[in-house]
């Protein structure tokens, strides 16, 4: 499974806005991998930021 799929799955499962650090901790991925995956997810408009530095799955 790709890092972006893992990040999206964690966000959907948790259901709360989360920081990249929290996502890295839960998923077991490196923080750099999470940041790269989140950039791709932002560009694809699959995640949104309800408040600064926190993200959640869109929809």
C-alpha atoms as a PDB file:
ATOM      1  CA  UNK A   1       0.000   0.000   0.000  1.00  0.00           C
ATOM      2  CA  UNK A   2       1.283   3.460  -0.888  1.00  0.00           C
ATOM      3  CA  UNK A   3       1.961   6.081   1.769  1.00  0.00           C
ATOM      4  CA  UNK A   4      -0.852   8.317   0.516  1.00  0.00           C
ATOM      5  CA  UNK A   5      -3.342   5.440   0.810  1.00  0.00           C
ATOM      6  CA  UNK A   6      -2.177   4.747   4.359  1.00  0.00           C
ATOM      7  CA  UNK A   7      -2.471   8.426   5.326  1.00  0.00           C
ATOM      8  CA  UNK A   8      -5.969   8.686   3.852  1.00  0.00           C
ATOM      9  CA  UNK A   9      -7.031   5.483   5.612  1.00  0.00           C
ATOM     10  CA  UNK A  10      -5.772   6.765   8.982  1.00  0.00           C
ATOM     11  CA  UNK A  11      -7.633  10.070   8.521  1.00  0.00           C
ATOM     12  CA  UNK A  12     -10.868   8.276   7.603  1.00  0.00           C
ATOM     13  CA  UNK A  13     -10.547   5.787  10.481  1.00  0.00           C
ATOM     14  CA  UNK A  14      -9.837   8.429  13.144  1.00  0.00           C
ATOM     15  CA  UNK A  15     -12.538  10.798  11.923  1.00  0.00           C
ATOM     16  CA  UNK A  16     -10.906  13.818  13.618  1.00  0.00           C
ATOM     17  CA  UNK A  17      -8.624  16.515  12.211  1.00  0.00           C
ATOM     18  CA  UNK A  18      -5.041  15.368  12.768  1.00  0.00           C
ATOM     19  CA  UNK A  19      -1.558  16.813  12.428  1.00  0.00           C
ATOM     20  CA  UNK A  20       1.124  15.206  10.277  1.00  0.00           C
ATOM     21  CA  UNK A  21       2.961  14.151  13.450  1.00  0.00           C
ATOM     22  CA  UNK A  22      -0.096  12.346  14.780  1.00  0.00           C
ATOM     23  CA  UNK A  23      -0.606  10.596  11.436  1.00  0.00           C
ATOM     24  CA  UNK A  24       3.050   9.508  11.381  1.00  0.00           C
ATOM     25  CA  UNK A  25       2.785   8.144  14.918  1.00  0.00           C
ATOM     26  CA  UNK A  26      -0.374   6.120  14.229  1.00  0.00           C
ATOM     27  CA  UNK A  27       0.606   4.869  10.767  1.00  0.00           C
ATOM     28  CA  UNK A  28       4.219   4.032  11.576  1.00  0.00           C
ATOM     29  CA  UNK A  29       5.408   5.987   8.526  1.00  0.00           C
ATOM     30  CA  UNK A  30       8.295   8.451   8.584  1.00  0.00           C
ATOM     31  CA  UNK A  31       7.237  12.088   8.964  1.00  0.00           C
ATOM     32  CA  UNK A  32       8.790  12.948   5.567  1.00  0.00           C
ATOM     33  CA  UNK A  33       6.711  10.241   3.895  1.00  0.00           C
ATOM     34  CA  UNK A  34       3.554  11.583   5.552  1.00  0.00           C
ATOM     35  CA  UNK A  35       4.334  15.129   4.405  1.00  0.00           C
ATOM     36  CA  UNK A  36       4.869  13.981   0.803  1.00  0.00           C
ATOM     37  CA  UNK A  37       1.689  11.905   0.833  1.00  0.00           C
ATOM     38  CA  UNK A  38      -0.317  14.793   2.278  1.00  0.00           C
ATOM     39  CA  UNK A  39       0.926  17.117  -0.458  1.00  0.00           C
ATOM     40  CA  UNK A  40      -0.333  14.681  -3.102  1.00  0.00           C
ATOM     41  CA  UNK A  41      -3.653  14.253  -1.272  1.00  0.00           C
ATOM     42  CA  UNK A  42      -4.045  18.063  -1.043  1.00  0.00           C
ATOM     43  CA  UNK A  43      -3.369  18.423  -4.777  1.00  0.00           C
ATOM     44  CA  UNK A  44      -5.962  15.710  -5.493  1.00  0.00           C
ATOM     45  CA  UNK A  45      -8.381  17.488  -3.105  1.00  0.00           C
ATOM     46  CA  UNK A  46      -8.913  14.348  -1.003  1.00  0.00           C
ATOM     47  CA  UNK A  47      -8.065  16.068   2.284  1.00  0.00           C
ATOM     48  CA  UNK A  48      -9.007  19.463   3.705  1.00  0.00           C
ATOM     49  CA  UNK A  49      -7.712  21.614   6.546  1.00  0.00           C
ATOM     50  CA  UNK A  50     -10.421  22.730   8.992  1.00  0.00           C
ATOM     51  CA  UNK A  51      -7.785  24.550  11.062  1.00  0.00           C
ATOM     52  CA  UNK A  52      -4.138  25.388  10.648  1.00  0.00           C
ATOM     53  CA  UNK A  53      -1.769  22.388  10.556  1.00  0.00           C
ATOM     54  CA  UNK A  54      -4.617  19.863  10.972  1.00  0.00           C
ATOM     55  CA  UNK A  55      -6.109  17.764   8.208  1.00  0.00           C
ATOM     56  CA  UNK A  56      -9.078  15.508   7.667  1.00  0.00           C
ATOM     57  CA  UNK A  57     -10.470  13.380   4.835  1.00  0.00           C
ATOM     58  CA  UNK A  58     -12.781  15.314   2.545  1.00  0.00           C
ATOM     59  CA  UNK A  59     -16.422  14.322   2.484  1.00  0.00           C
END
